[in-house]
Amino acid sequence: MRVISGMRPTGKLHLGHYFGVIKNWINLQENHETLFFIADWHALTTAYKKTSELKENIREVMLDWIALGLDPKKSLLFIQSRVKEHAELFLLFSMITPKSWLEWNPSYKDMKYNLLRIQDLEIQFKGGIRDLIKELTSRLPYKVEDFEALEDMILDELSQSLVRAVFEGYMESHILKELNVSKRDFYDTDTYGFLGYPVLQAADILIYKANAVPVGEDQLPHIELTREIARRFNYLYGDTFPEPQAMLTQTPKLVGIDGRKMSKSYNNAIYFADTKEEVEQKVMRFFTDPQKLRKGDPGRPEICPVFMYHKLFTQDEKVLQIEKDCKSGKLGCVECKKIMFEGLERFLEPIRERRESLKQDIKHLEELFEEGSKKARQIAIKTLEEVEKKMNLR
């Protein structure tokens, strides 16, 4: 089975990337034909103003991928922009993809609104006009087949129009001050690339005729859109693309040092590029059970992020004792963190050493990805030739 996935280059990788994505990829490469790419074009959908960091970010991803265990002898590793055929297939797919498919994709609006922190504003508008929409649909002069679906559609359209009205200055200006988002911020994310990136994602997958894509649950709408585009192309021009299946991955929800989701933007991540000293400092700052203020207080390991790390990195025979001692108050948080750090460091040390070794010959590492890109391009060229013939473009 051919499996494909990609990752945007946003800088050094952290533990969350490993347990959320990379660990699964490493397992998949043992039993499947796997293709993994650095999605540098996708990085531009939200960071098109910050391209000065792009080359360095790509190198960081290369270093981490190989150091963590992705093997160019087992997987095809490449860079998206080195395979220009992705862009050409994206163009052709954009001709047959209805705009409504993209606008209705829940990930598009969620990503945009979450990025700008205006999700709550839309929810407020929806709550305020819901009863008016119900009255409107009840007064329509035509028979309505599905009141609920119609009301939802009108509610979505109208609430989004009201959000735009706020940024156009048609409503009280203090709302923008409370949001701390400017009109420029709102429209800077309203690019064609941002709206159309799921079509590029479909091209990334279908150009290799992949059978499966490992994803988290939040990415399911994108895979379904890819399947829709494949079906539409096959209907219009003849069977060409398989409909890829989503491979849902079960991953531990690794949190950062502050208890929130591990993220570069939260400044709470432990990176594979961190030194031993940096990791230790971060571990000692870890958020713990807020009710356990001092040694002797009974703890609640089931809600403590440090104990979550114990289950991943501490030797199994110690974990049960740590849980027992935490609950009884015998084990204090400082000592608990020190034990956790020891297990975490045993995991990180060999990765850090491999990373430093790879860094000494960065040119060779880049050549590995260039070679992988050439191999990927040979597959992509063959698919694109087939597509162009079926579309009577050659």
Protein backbone atom coordinates (compact mmCIF):
# COMPACT_ATOMS: atom_id res chain seq x y z
CA MET A 1 0.00 0.00 0.00
CA ARG A 2 1.29 3.45 -0.92
CA VAL A 3 1.08 5.90 2.00
CA ILE A 4 1.84 9.63 1.81
CA SER A 5 1.95 12.51 4.26
CA GLY A 6 3.62 15.88 4.65
CA MET A 7 4.65 18.39 7.27
CA ARG A 8 4.93 22.16 7.09
CA PRO A 9 8.41 23.48 7.94
CA THR A 10 7.83 25.80 10.88
CA GLY A 11 11.17 25.23 12.61
CA LYS A 12 12.70 22.69 14.98
CA LEU A 13 10.49 19.72 15.88
CA HIS A 14 9.41 18.97 19.43
CA LEU A 15 8.13 15.98 21.38
CA GLY A 16 4.56 16.69 20.28
CA HIS A 17 5.56 16.25 16.63
CA TYR A 18 7.17 12.90 17.40
CA PHE A 19 4.29 11.35 19.32
CA GLY A 20 1.63 12.98 17.14
CA VAL A 21 3.11 12.21 13.71
CA ILE A 22 6.67 10.97 13.29
CA LYS A 23 6.47 7.85 15.47
CA ASN A 24 3.57 6.59 13.35
CA TRP A 25 5.46 7.37 10.13
CA ILE A 26 8.47 5.36 11.34
CA ASN A 27 6.23 2.36 11.97
CA LEU A 28 4.50 2.71 8.60
CA GLN A 29 7.77 2.74 6.64
CA GLU A 30 8.50 -0.80 7.84
CA ASN A 31 5.50 -2.37 6.10
CA HIS A 32 4.33 0.04 3.38
CA GLU A 33 5.60 2.08 0.46
CA THR A 34 5.88 5.46 2.18
CA LEU A 35 6.39 8.98 0.82
CA PHE A 36 6.95 11.89 3.22
CA PHE A 37 7.48 15.46 2.10
CA ILE A 38 8.36 18.82 3.58
CA ALA A 39 5.39 21.01 2.58
CA ASP A 40 7.14 24.34 2.04
CA TRP A 41 4.41 25.70 -0.28
CA HIS A 42 1.83 24.97 2.40
CA ALA A 43 3.91 26.97 4.87
CA LEU A 44 3.21 30.06 2.76
CA THR A 45 -0.56 29.88 3.30
CA THR A 46 -0.23 31.56 6.69
CA ALA A 47 3.43 32.68 6.77
CA TYR A 48 3.91 34.23 3.34
CA LYS A 49 5.38 37.36 4.94
CA LYS A 50 8.07 35.44 6.83
CA THR A 51 9.96 33.60 4.10
CA SER A 52 13.37 34.70 5.44
CA GLU A 53 13.18 31.76 7.88
CA LEU A 54 11.97 29.18 5.36
CA LYS A 55 15.29 27.67 4.23
CA GLU A 56 16.54 27.28 7.77
CA ASN A 57 13.23 25.77 8.87
CA ILE A 58 13.46 23.19 6.07
CA ARG A 59 16.95 22.20 7.24
CA GLU A 60 15.72 21.83 10.81
CA VAL A 61 12.95 19.47 9.69
CA MET A 62 15.45 17.44 7.64
CA LEU A 63 17.72 17.06 10.66
CA ASP A 64 14.91 16.01 12.98
CA TRP A 65 13.30 13.58 10.54
CA ILE A 66 16.49 11.58 9.98
CA ALA A 67 17.62 11.83 13.61
CA LEU A 68 14.26 10.46 14.77
CA GLY A 69 14.37 7.47 12.45
CA LEU A 70 12.85 8.25 9.07
CA ASP A 71 15.06 6.31 6.68
CA PRO A 72 15.67 7.46 3.07
CA LYS A 73 16.35 3.80 2.22
CA LYS A 74 12.85 2.85 3.37
CA SER A 75 10.84 6.01 2.62
CA LEU A 76 10.86 8.50 -0.22
CA LEU A 77 11.73 11.80 1.49
CA PHE A 78 11.42 14.98 -0.54
CA ILE A 79 10.59 18.68 -0.66
CA GLN A 80 7.25 19.72 -2.10
CA SER A 81 8.43 22.72 -4.11
CA ARG A 82 11.13 20.65 -5.86
CA VAL A 83 8.33 18.73 -7.59
CA LYS A 84 6.74 21.42 -9.75
CA GLU A 85 4.09 19.01 -10.99
CA HIS A 86 2.27 19.45 -7.67
CA ALA A 87 1.53 23.03 -8.69
CA GLU A 88 0.38 22.07 -12.19
CA LEU A 89 -2.02 19.43 -10.90
CA PHE A 90 -3.24 21.93 -8.29
CA LEU A 91 -4.06 24.32 -11.16
CA LEU A 92 -5.97 21.65 -13.07
CA PHE A 93 -7.87 20.52 -9.97
CA SER A 94 -8.80 24.13 -9.19
CA MET A 95 -10.65 24.27 -12.52
CA ILE A 96 -13.02 21.46 -11.50
CA THR A 97 -13.39 22.13 -7.75
CA PRO A 98 -16.55 24.09 -6.82
CA LYS A 99 -15.80 27.10 -4.65
CA SER A 100 -18.53 26.01 -2.24
CA TRP A 101 -16.58 22.83 -1.42
CA LEU A 102 -13.78 25.00 -0.05
CA GLU A 103 -15.98 27.50 1.76
CA TRP A 104 -17.94 24.71 3.43
CA ASN A 105 -14.79 22.92 4.55
CA PRO A 106 -14.95 23.35 8.36
CA SER A 107 -11.17 23.44 8.68
CA TYR A 108 -10.94 26.56 6.50
CA LYS A 109 -13.11 28.77 8.65
CA ASP A 110 -11.96 27.24 11.92
CA MET A 111 -8.33 27.81 11.05
CA LYS A 112 -8.94 31.38 9.93
CA TYR A 113 -11.11 32.34 12.89
CA ASN A 114 -8.92 30.57 15.45
CA LEU A 115 -5.86 32.21 13.95
CA LEU A 116 -7.47 35.61 14.48
CA ARG A 117 -9.24 34.73 17.76
CA ILE A 118 -12.65 35.76 16.40
CA GLN A 119 -14.49 32.44 16.81
CA ASP A 120 -16.39 33.79 19.83
CA LEU A 121 -17.60 36.79 17.86
CA GLU A 122 -19.24 34.60 15.23
CA ILE A 123 -20.86 32.48 17.96
CA GLN A 124 -22.31 35.64 19.54
CA PHE A 125 -23.80 36.72 16.22
CA LYS A 126 -25.29 33.28 15.63
CA GLY A 127 -26.93 33.31 19.05
CA GLY A 128 -28.41 36.73 18.45
CA ILE A 129 -29.97 36.04 15.05
CA ARG A 130 -30.99 32.39 15.30
CA ASP A 131 -34.63 33.12 16.17
CA LEU A 132 -34.84 35.72 13.38
CA ILE A 133 -33.62 33.15 10.86
CA LYS A 134 -36.25 30.65 12.01
CA GLU A 135 -38.95 33.27 11.52
CA LEU A 136 -37.55 34.20 8.10
CA THR A 137 -37.59 30.61 6.83
CA SER A 138 -41.12 30.10 8.13
CA ARG A 139 -42.32 33.08 6.04
CA LEU A 140 -40.72 32.04 2.75
CA PRO A 141 -43.23 31.87 -0.15
CA TYR A 142 -41.80 28.56 -1.36
CA LYS A 143 -41.90 25.06 0.09
CA VAL A 144 -38.83 24.26 2.17
CA GLU A 145 -37.66 20.64 1.99
CA ASP A 146 -35.20 20.83 4.92
CA PHE A 147 -35.73 23.73 7.32
CA GLU A 148 -32.77 22.83 9.55
CA ALA A 149 -30.25 22.67 6.70
CA LEU A 150 -31.54 25.93 5.19
CA GLU A 151 -31.42 27.72 8.55
CA ASP A 152 -27.87 26.53 9.17
CA MET A 153 -26.75 27.76 5.75
CA ILE A 154 -28.33 31.20 6.20
CA LEU A 155 -26.99 31.42 9.75
CA ASP A 156 -23.43 30.67 8.61
CA GLU A 157 -23.56 33.13 5.73
CA LEU A 158 -25.14 35.92 7.75
CA SER A 159 -22.89 35.54 10.80
CA GLN A 160 -19.80 35.64 8.57
CA SER A 161 -21.16 38.76 6.87
CA LEU A 162 -21.61 40.37 10.29
CA VAL A 163 -18.02 39.49 11.21
CA ARG A 164 -16.86 41.22 8.01
CA ALA A 165 -19.08 44.19 8.87
CA VAL A 166 -17.20 44.60 12.15
CA PHE A 167 -13.89 44.83 10.31
CA GLU A 168 -15.35 47.22 7.72
CA GLY A 169 -16.34 49.63 10.47
CA TYR A 170 -20.12 49.21 10.22
CA MET A 171 -20.35 48.31 13.92
CA GLU A 172 -18.95 49.68 17.16
CA SER A 173 -15.18 50.14 16.88
CA HIS A 174 -14.55 48.97 20.46
CA ILE A 175 -15.20 45.38 19.33
CA LEU A 176 -11.94 45.37 17.36
CA LYS A 177 -10.04 46.77 20.33
CA GLU A 178 -11.37 43.98 22.51
CA LEU A 179 -10.39 41.40 19.90
CA ASN A 180 -6.97 43.00 19.40
CA VAL A 181 -7.23 42.16 15.70
CA SER A 182 -6.94 44.74 12.92
CA LYS A 183 -8.70 44.97 9.57
CA ARG A 184 -5.38 44.17 7.92
CA ASP A 185 -5.02 40.99 10.03
CA PHE A 186 -8.48 39.88 8.92
CA TYR A 187 -7.92 40.37 5.20
CA ASP A 188 -4.29 39.26 5.17
CA THR A 189 -5.54 35.72 5.79
CA ASP A 190 -8.20 36.02 3.09
CA THR A 191 -5.93 34.88 0.26
CA TYR A 192 -6.69 32.52 -2.59
CA GLY A 193 -3.91 30.26 -1.34
CA PHE A 194 -5.44 30.05 2.13
CA LEU A 195 -8.86 29.17 0.71
CA GLY A 196 -7.45 26.75 -1.85
CA TYR A 197 -4.80 24.93 0.15
CA PRO A 198 -7.00 21.79 0.50
CA VAL A 199 -6.91 21.53 -3.31
CA LEU A 200 -3.12 21.70 -3.24
CA GLN A 201 -3.23 19.06 -0.54
CA ALA A 202 -5.36 16.90 -2.83
CA ALA A 203 -2.79 17.35 -5.59
CA ASP A 204 -0.01 16.35 -3.15
CA ILE A 205 -1.79 13.08 -2.46
CA LEU A 206 -3.31 12.17 -5.81
CA ILE A 207 -0.29 12.92 -7.96
CA TYR A 208 1.32 9.84 -6.36
CA LYS A 209 -1.92 7.84 -6.52
CA ALA A 210 -1.58 7.18 -2.80
CA ASN A 211 -3.91 4.65 -1.20
CA ALA A 212 -3.83 6.04 2.33
CA VAL A 213 -2.95 9.15 4.32
CA PRO A 214 -2.15 9.01 8.06
CA VAL A 215 -4.02 11.89 9.72
CA GLY A 216 -5.52 13.08 12.95
CA GLU A 217 -9.29 13.42 13.29
CA ASP A 218 -9.16 17.16 12.57
CA GLN A 219 -7.80 16.45 9.09
CA LEU A 220 -10.64 14.13 8.00
CA PRO A 221 -12.51 16.89 6.09
CA HIS A 222 -9.41 17.42 3.93
CA ILE A 223 -9.14 13.75 3.05
CA GLU A 224 -12.84 13.64 2.19
CA LEU A 225 -12.37 16.67 -0.08
CA THR A 226 -9.45 14.87 -1.76
CA ARG A 227 -11.72 11.88 -2.34
CA GLU A 228 -14.42 14.17 -3.78
CA ILE A 229 -11.93 15.74 -6.20
CA ALA A 230 -10.71 12.28 -7.26
CA ARG A 231 -14.30 11.15 -7.87
CA ARG A 232 -15.12 14.28 -9.84
CA PHE A 233 -12.03 13.97 -12.03
CA ASN A 234 -12.69 10.27 -12.65
CA TYR A 235 -16.32 11.04 -13.58
CA LEU A 236 -15.35 13.83 -16.00
CA TYR A 237 -12.31 12.29 -17.67
CA GLY A 238 -12.22 8.58 -16.87
CA ASP A 239 -10.75 6.47 -14.07
CA THR A 240 -7.41 7.91 -13.08
CA PHE A 241 -7.09 8.31 -9.32
CA PRO A 242 -7.76 5.95 -6.42
CA GLU A 243 -9.81 7.39 -3.57
CA PRO A 244 -7.32 7.52 -0.69
CA GLN A 245 -8.36 6.31 2.73
CA ALA A 246 -7.66 8.18 5.95
CA MET A 247 -5.49 6.24 8.40
CA LEU A 248 -6.61 7.56 11.78
CA THR A 249 -3.77 7.56 14.27
CA GLN A 250 -4.23 7.14 18.01
CA THR A 251 -1.64 9.30 19.74
CA PRO A 252 -1.05 10.40 23.35
CA LYS A 253 -1.99 14.03 23.89
CA LEU A 254 1.38 15.33 24.96
CA VAL A 255 1.19 18.68 26.72
CA GLY A 256 3.83 21.35 27.09
CA ILE A 257 5.50 22.57 30.25
CA ASP A 258 2.53 24.84 31.05
CA GLY A 259 -0.10 22.11 30.75
CA ARG A 260 -1.42 23.31 27.40
CA LYS A 261 -0.97 21.58 24.05
CA MET A 262 2.72 21.56 23.16
CA SER A 263 3.27 24.31 20.60
CA LYS A 264 6.00 26.64 19.38
CA SER A 265 3.54 29.54 19.58
CA TYR A 266 2.91 28.86 23.30
CA ASN A 267 6.66 28.76 24.02
CA ASN A 268 6.09 25.58 26.04
CA ALA A 269 7.80 22.93 23.91
CA ILE A 270 10.72 20.58 24.45
CA TYR A 271 12.72 20.41 21.21
CA PHE A 272 15.01 17.67 19.97
CA ALA A 273 17.59 20.40 19.37
CA ASP A 274 17.51 21.44 23.04
CA THR A 275 20.63 20.77 25.09
CA LYS A 276 20.50 18.54 28.17
CA GLU A 277 20.66 21.64 30.35
CA GLU A 278 17.81 23.33 28.49
CA VAL A 279 15.61 20.25 28.82
CA GLU A 280 16.32 20.00 32.56
CA GLN A 281 15.43 23.67 33.09
CA LYS A 282 12.15 23.17 31.22
CA VAL A 283 11.29 20.03 33.17
CA MET A 284 11.81 21.82 36.48
CA ARG A 285 9.35 24.52 35.34
CA PHE A 286 6.68 21.93 34.50
CA PHE A 287 3.10 22.59 35.55
CA THR A 288 1.92 20.08 38.17
CA ASP A 289 -1.18 19.38 40.26
CA PRO A 290 -2.18 22.86 41.57
CA GLN A 291 -3.52 21.33 44.80
CA LYS A 292 -0.18 19.72 45.68
CA LEU A 293 1.63 22.72 47.09
CA ARG A 294 4.38 20.96 49.08
CA LYS A 295 5.78 17.54 49.82
CA GLY A 296 3.37 15.72 52.11
CA ASP A 297 0.28 16.96 50.28
CA PRO A 298 -1.56 14.12 48.50
CA GLY A 299 -1.29 14.48 44.73
CA ARG A 300 -3.52 13.59 41.78
CA PRO A 301 -1.23 11.96 39.21
CA GLU A 302 -4.15 11.38 36.84
CA ILE A 303 -4.29 15.14 36.08
CA CYS A 304 -0.57 15.90 36.37
CA PRO A 305 1.38 16.43 33.11
CA VAL A 306 4.58 15.21 34.78
CA PHE A 307 2.99 11.82 35.46
CA MET A 308 1.89 11.65 31.81
CA TYR A 309 5.56 11.90 30.90
CA HIS A 310 6.45 9.22 33.45
CA LYS A 311 4.13 6.80 31.63
CA LEU A 312 6.02 7.50 28.40
CA PHE A 313 9.61 7.74 29.55
CA THR A 314 10.07 6.23 33.03
CA GLN A 315 10.80 2.53 33.44
CA ASP A 316 7.52 0.62 33.84
CA GLU A 317 8.39 -0.89 37.21
CA LYS A 318 8.86 2.59 38.69
CA VAL A 319 5.67 4.17 37.38
CA LEU A 320 3.27 2.36 39.74
CA GLN A 321 5.44 3.27 42.73
CA ILE A 322 5.59 6.91 41.65
CA GLU A 323 1.80 6.98 41.34
CA LYS A 324 1.39 5.46 44.81
CA ASP A 325 3.94 7.79 46.45
CA CYS A 326 2.41 10.86 44.76
CA LYS A 327 -1.08 10.02 46.03
CA SER A 328 0.18 9.45 49.57
CA GLY A 329 2.24 12.64 49.62
CA LYS A 330 5.50 10.72 50.12
CA LEU A 331 6.91 11.96 46.79
CA GLY A 332 7.33 15.70 46.30
CA CYS A 333 7.01 17.42 42.91
CA VAL A 334 10.68 18.44 42.69
CA GLU A 335 11.89 14.88 43.17
CA CYS A 336 9.18 13.61 40.83
CA LYS A 337 10.39 15.96 38.09
CA LYS A 338 14.00 14.85 38.58
CA ILE A 339 13.04 11.20 38.09
CA MET A 340 10.99 12.10 35.01
CA PHE A 341 13.91 14.08 33.57
CA GLU A 342 16.18 11.04 33.84
CA GLY A 343 13.83 8.93 31.73
CA LEU A 344 13.20 11.71 29.25
CA GLU A 345 16.92 12.32 28.84
CA ARG A 346 17.54 8.62 28.15
CA PHE A 347 15.12 8.98 25.24
CA LEU A 348 16.48 12.30 23.97
CA GLU A 349 20.22 11.77 24.27
CA PRO A 350 20.75 9.38 21.31
CA ILE A 351 18.45 11.52 19.12
CA ARG A 352 20.40 14.64 20.04
CA GLU A 353 23.69 12.90 19.24
CA ARG A 354 22.44 11.73 15.83
CA ARG A 355 21.15 15.23 15.13
CA GLU A 356 24.51 16.82 15.94
CA SER A 357 26.31 14.27 13.76
CA LEU A 358 24.00 14.99 10.81
CA LYS A 359 24.51 18.70 11.31
CA GLN A 360 28.22 18.32 10.66
CA ASP A 361 27.49 17.36 7.04
CA ILE A 362 24.38 19.35 6.20
CA LYS A 363 25.25 19.29 2.49
CA HIS A 364 24.96 15.50 2.39
CA LEU A 365 21.61 15.72 4.18
CA GLU A 366 20.32 18.21 1.60
CA GLU A 367 21.53 15.93 -1.20
CA LEU A 368 19.46 13.07 0.27
CA PHE A 369 16.32 15.19 -0.01
CA GLU A 370 17.25 16.45 -3.48
CA GLU A 371 17.68 12.85 -4.63
CA GLY A 372 14.35 11.95 -3.05
CA SER A 373 12.72 14.91 -4.82
CA LYS A 374 14.04 13.70 -8.19
CA LYS A 375 12.58 10.23 -7.58
CA ALA A 376 9.26 11.71 -6.48
CA ARG A 377 9.20 13.88 -9.58
CA GLN A 378 9.50 10.85 -11.86
CA ILE A 379 6.29 9.45 -10.35
CA ALA A 380 4.57 12.85 -10.55
CA ILE A 381 5.54 13.44 -14.19
CA LYS A 382 4.03 10.11 -15.21
CA THR A 383 0.74 10.90 -13.44
CA LEU A 384 0.56 14.40 -14.90
CA GLU A 385 1.13 13.10 -18.43
CA GLU A 386 -1.82 10.74 -17.94
CA VAL A 387 -3.96 13.60 -16.60
CA GLU A 388 -3.12 15.90 -19.50
CA LYS A 389 -3.93 13.24 -22.07
CA LYS A 390 -7.31 12.57 -20.48
CA MET A 391 -8.05 16.30 -20.38
CA ASN A 392 -6.97 16.61 -24.05
CA LEU A 393 -4.12 18.96 -23.12
CA ARG A 394 -1.60 16.85 -25.05
